[in-house]
Amino acid sequence: MEHLEKAKIIRLKTHNGKYLTASKDEKSVRQSSDGSTVNALWSVEFLDGQHYLRLKSCYGKYLTASNVPLIPKISGSRKIMQTLPKKLSSAIEWEAEQDGSLYQIRLKTRYGHFLRPFGGIPPWRNIVTHDVPHRKKSTLWEIEIMESQLVHQKIQPATSFAQFTKAFSCSFAEPI
């Protein structure tokens, strides 16, 4: 995970080629095939002395594993949201487990649930959930490091987007 520890801003891409994006409603999180928007960028915060991290959207809110079921009254998959809690809790903390390639990870909650894209029929298509999946491949995310903390140098991603800094309409340095 050494490469992830150097990351300041990342994009996460599913095994199906879609990106984890913060929705404009500033509450929900979705998958999108367009990774060139600022909504696909996540600021990385590491917890001191631990191997957990927090991901913050361009809206200044944290990627949160909620207790809200995806389908009401049915246990299993739970919704992923963007929140700004008054008190930081384990719901916004993720453990990155490396799998296979240097840039492939699984993000796991403290309770053993994995962040995963949900590919069901509408209206559940492109939703992101957390649960214990039947197939491990469905929880695999590819990391694209967009900016590094150590060198504060912008890194050109494999799929270039024009003038990265001009596309950055949200500031990760200042609270929104």
Protein backbone atom coordinates (compact mmCIF):
# COMPACT_ATOMS: atom_id res chain seq x y z
CA MET A 1 0.00 0.00 0.00
CA GLU A 2 3.04 2.25 -0.16
CA HIS A 3 1.86 3.87 -3.41
CA LEU A 4 -1.54 4.69 -1.86
CA GLU A 5 0.11 6.30 1.16
CA LYS A 6 1.66 8.86 -1.21
CA ALA A 7 -1.67 9.72 -2.81
CA LYS A 8 -3.41 13.00 -2.12
CA ILE A 9 -6.20 12.83 -4.72
CA ILE A 10 -7.38 9.64 -6.41
CA ARG A 11 -10.03 8.21 -8.69
CA LEU A 12 -11.48 4.74 -8.10
CA LYS A 13 -12.51 2.63 -11.08
CA THR A 14 -14.66 -0.50 -10.84
CA HIS A 15 -13.87 -3.81 -12.49
CA ASN A 16 -16.48 -2.80 -15.11
CA GLY A 17 -14.64 0.44 -15.98
CA LYS A 18 -16.93 2.89 -14.16
CA TYR A 19 -15.77 5.50 -11.65
CA LEU A 20 -16.90 6.11 -8.09
CA THR A 21 -18.49 9.57 -8.20
CA ALA A 22 -20.04 11.94 -5.70
CA SER A 23 -23.52 12.94 -6.83
CA LYS A 24 -24.48 16.60 -7.20
CA ASP A 25 -27.11 16.23 -4.48
CA GLU A 26 -24.11 16.02 -2.09
CA LYS A 27 -25.65 12.97 -0.38
CA SER A 28 -25.48 9.98 -2.69
CA VAL A 29 -22.61 8.20 -4.40
CA ARG A 30 -22.86 6.55 -7.82
CA GLN A 31 -20.90 4.89 -10.58
CA SER A 32 -20.28 6.81 -13.76
CA SER A 33 -18.49 5.99 -16.98
CA ASP A 34 -17.27 9.62 -17.09
CA GLY A 35 -14.21 9.86 -14.88
CA SER A 36 -13.20 13.28 -16.20
CA THR A 37 -15.45 15.24 -13.85
CA VAL A 38 -14.39 16.70 -10.51
CA ASN A 39 -17.05 14.46 -8.90
CA ALA A 40 -14.84 11.42 -9.61
CA LEU A 41 -11.96 12.84 -7.55
CA TRP A 42 -11.50 11.82 -3.92
CA SER A 43 -9.13 13.36 -1.40
CA VAL A 44 -7.32 10.77 0.74
CA GLU A 45 -6.83 11.24 4.50
CA PHE A 46 -4.83 8.67 6.45
CA LEU A 47 -5.46 8.03 10.13
CA ASP A 48 -2.30 8.41 12.21
CA GLY A 49 -0.72 5.13 13.20
CA GLN A 50 -3.41 3.04 11.54
CA HIS A 51 -3.94 1.43 8.20
CA TYR A 52 -7.32 3.07 7.71
CA LEU A 53 -8.16 5.98 5.46
CA ARG A 54 -10.97 8.42 4.77
CA LEU A 55 -12.09 9.53 1.33
CA LYS A 56 -13.48 13.04 0.92
CA SER A 57 -15.51 14.14 -2.09
CA CYS A 58 -15.17 17.46 -3.89
CA TYR A 59 -18.11 18.64 -1.75
CA GLY A 60 -16.03 18.23 1.42
CA LYS A 61 -18.04 15.22 2.59
CA TYR A 62 -16.79 11.75 3.53
CA LEU A 63 -17.52 8.46 1.81
CA THR A 64 -19.72 6.80 4.44
CA ALA A 65 -20.90 3.25 4.98
CA SER A 66 -24.45 3.81 6.23
CA ASN A 67 -26.80 1.41 8.00
CA VAL A 68 -29.60 2.24 5.55
CA PRO A 69 -30.60 -0.88 3.60
CA LEU A 70 -30.50 -0.62 -0.19
CA ILE A 71 -33.94 -2.24 -0.36
CA PRO A 72 -36.14 -1.36 2.63
CA LYS A 73 -37.00 -4.21 5.03
CA ILE A 74 -34.46 -6.54 3.39
CA SER A 75 -31.11 -7.11 5.04
CA GLY A 76 -27.95 -7.37 3.01
CA SER A 77 -26.56 -4.52 0.94
CA ARG A 78 -26.43 -1.12 2.60
CA LYS A 79 -26.18 2.32 1.00
CA ILE A 80 -23.00 4.32 0.61
CA MET A 81 -23.42 8.06 1.13
CA GLN A 82 -21.53 11.34 1.42
CA THR A 83 -21.79 12.77 4.91
CA LEU A 84 -20.15 15.37 7.08
CA PRO A 85 -20.64 13.95 10.58
CA LYS A 86 -20.27 16.18 13.64
CA LYS A 87 -18.04 13.51 15.15
CA LEU A 88 -15.75 11.38 12.99
CA SER A 89 -16.63 7.70 13.37
CA SER A 90 -15.75 4.27 12.02
CA ALA A 91 -18.50 4.63 9.38
CA ILE A 92 -16.17 6.88 7.35
CA GLU A 93 -13.04 4.76 7.83
CA TRP A 94 -11.93 2.29 5.17
CA GLU A 95 -9.22 -0.35 5.19
CA ALA A 96 -7.46 -0.74 1.86
CA GLU A 97 -6.58 -4.35 1.04
CA GLN A 98 -4.25 -4.83 -1.90
CA ASP A 99 -5.21 -7.56 -4.34
CA GLY A 100 -3.33 -8.64 -7.43
CA SER A 101 -1.91 -5.60 -9.15
CA LEU A 102 -0.11 -2.83 -7.29
CA TYR A 103 -3.01 -0.47 -8.07
CA GLN A 104 -5.93 -2.78 -7.27
CA ILE A 105 -7.56 -2.67 -3.85
CA ARG A 106 -10.64 -3.63 -1.93
CA LEU A 107 -12.04 -1.10 0.54
CA LYS A 108 -13.39 -2.71 3.69
CA THR A 109 -15.27 -1.22 6.64
CA ARG A 110 -14.22 -2.01 10.19
CA TYR A 111 -17.13 -4.45 10.26
CA GLY A 112 -15.96 -6.56 7.32
CA HIS A 113 -18.21 -5.15 4.61
CA PHE A 114 -16.71 -4.25 1.24
CA LEU A 115 -17.38 -1.22 -0.94
CA ARG A 116 -18.84 -2.54 -4.17
CA PRO A 117 -20.61 -1.35 -7.29
CA PHE A 118 -24.18 -2.58 -7.64
CA GLY A 119 -25.18 -3.49 -11.16
CA GLY A 120 -28.83 -4.37 -10.82
CA ILE A 121 -31.79 -3.33 -12.91
CA PRO A 122 -33.11 0.26 -12.74
CA PRO A 123 -33.52 2.03 -10.36
CA TRP A 124 -30.56 0.28 -8.69
CA ARG A 125 -28.16 0.44 -11.65
CA ASN A 126 -24.94 2.38 -10.94
CA ILE A 127 -25.52 2.44 -7.18
CA VAL A 128 -22.63 1.76 -4.80
CA THR A 129 -23.22 -0.39 -1.71
CA HIS A 130 -21.34 -2.13 1.06
CA ASP A 131 -21.85 -5.74 2.06
CA VAL A 132 -20.24 -9.15 2.13
CA PRO A 133 -20.33 -10.16 -1.54
CA HIS A 134 -20.59 -13.64 -3.02
CA ARG A 135 -17.85 -12.88 -5.55
CA LYS A 136 -14.62 -11.16 -4.50
CA LYS A 137 -14.04 -9.75 -7.99
CA SER A 138 -17.07 -7.49 -7.59
CA THR A 139 -15.29 -5.54 -4.82
CA LEU A 140 -12.11 -4.81 -6.73
CA TRP A 141 -11.26 -1.13 -7.40
CA GLU A 142 -8.42 0.25 -9.49
CA ILE A 143 -6.67 3.29 -8.03
CA GLU A 144 -5.71 6.15 -10.33
CA ILE A 145 -3.48 8.59 -8.45
CA MET A 146 -4.20 12.10 -9.67
CA GLU A 147 -1.99 14.05 -7.25
CA SER A 148 0.78 12.90 -4.93
CA GLN A 149 1.30 14.25 -1.38
CA LEU A 150 5.04 13.81 -1.19
CA VAL A 151 6.02 15.62 -4.33
CA HIS A 152 2.89 17.76 -4.75
CA GLN A 153 3.15 16.97 -8.40
CA LYS A 154 0.23 16.37 -10.66
CA ILE A 155 0.39 12.98 -12.35
CA GLN A 156 -1.07 12.48 -15.80
CA PRO A 157 -3.58 9.62 -15.69
CA ALA A 158 -3.78 6.94 -18.38
CA THR A 159 -6.95 8.58 -19.68
CA SER A 160 -5.97 12.22 -19.86
CA PHE A 161 -8.31 14.96 -19.06
CA ALA A 162 -7.48 18.37 -20.36
CA GLN A 163 -5.99 20.85 -17.95
CA PHE A 164 -6.60 19.01 -14.69
CA THR A 165 -6.29 22.12 -12.50
CA LYS A 166 -8.88 24.10 -14.50
CA ALA A 167 -11.37 21.24 -14.20
CA PHE A 168 -10.97 21.32 -10.43
CA SER A 169 -13.96 23.43 -9.40
CA CYS A 170 -14.01 22.24 -5.79
CA SER A 171 -11.20 22.84 -3.33
CA PHE A 172 -10.12 19.97 -1.09
CA ALA A 173 -8.01 22.31 1.06
CA GLU A 174 -10.89 24.45 2.27
CA PRO A 175 -14.11 23.19 3.88
CA ILE A 176 -17.25 23.82 1.86
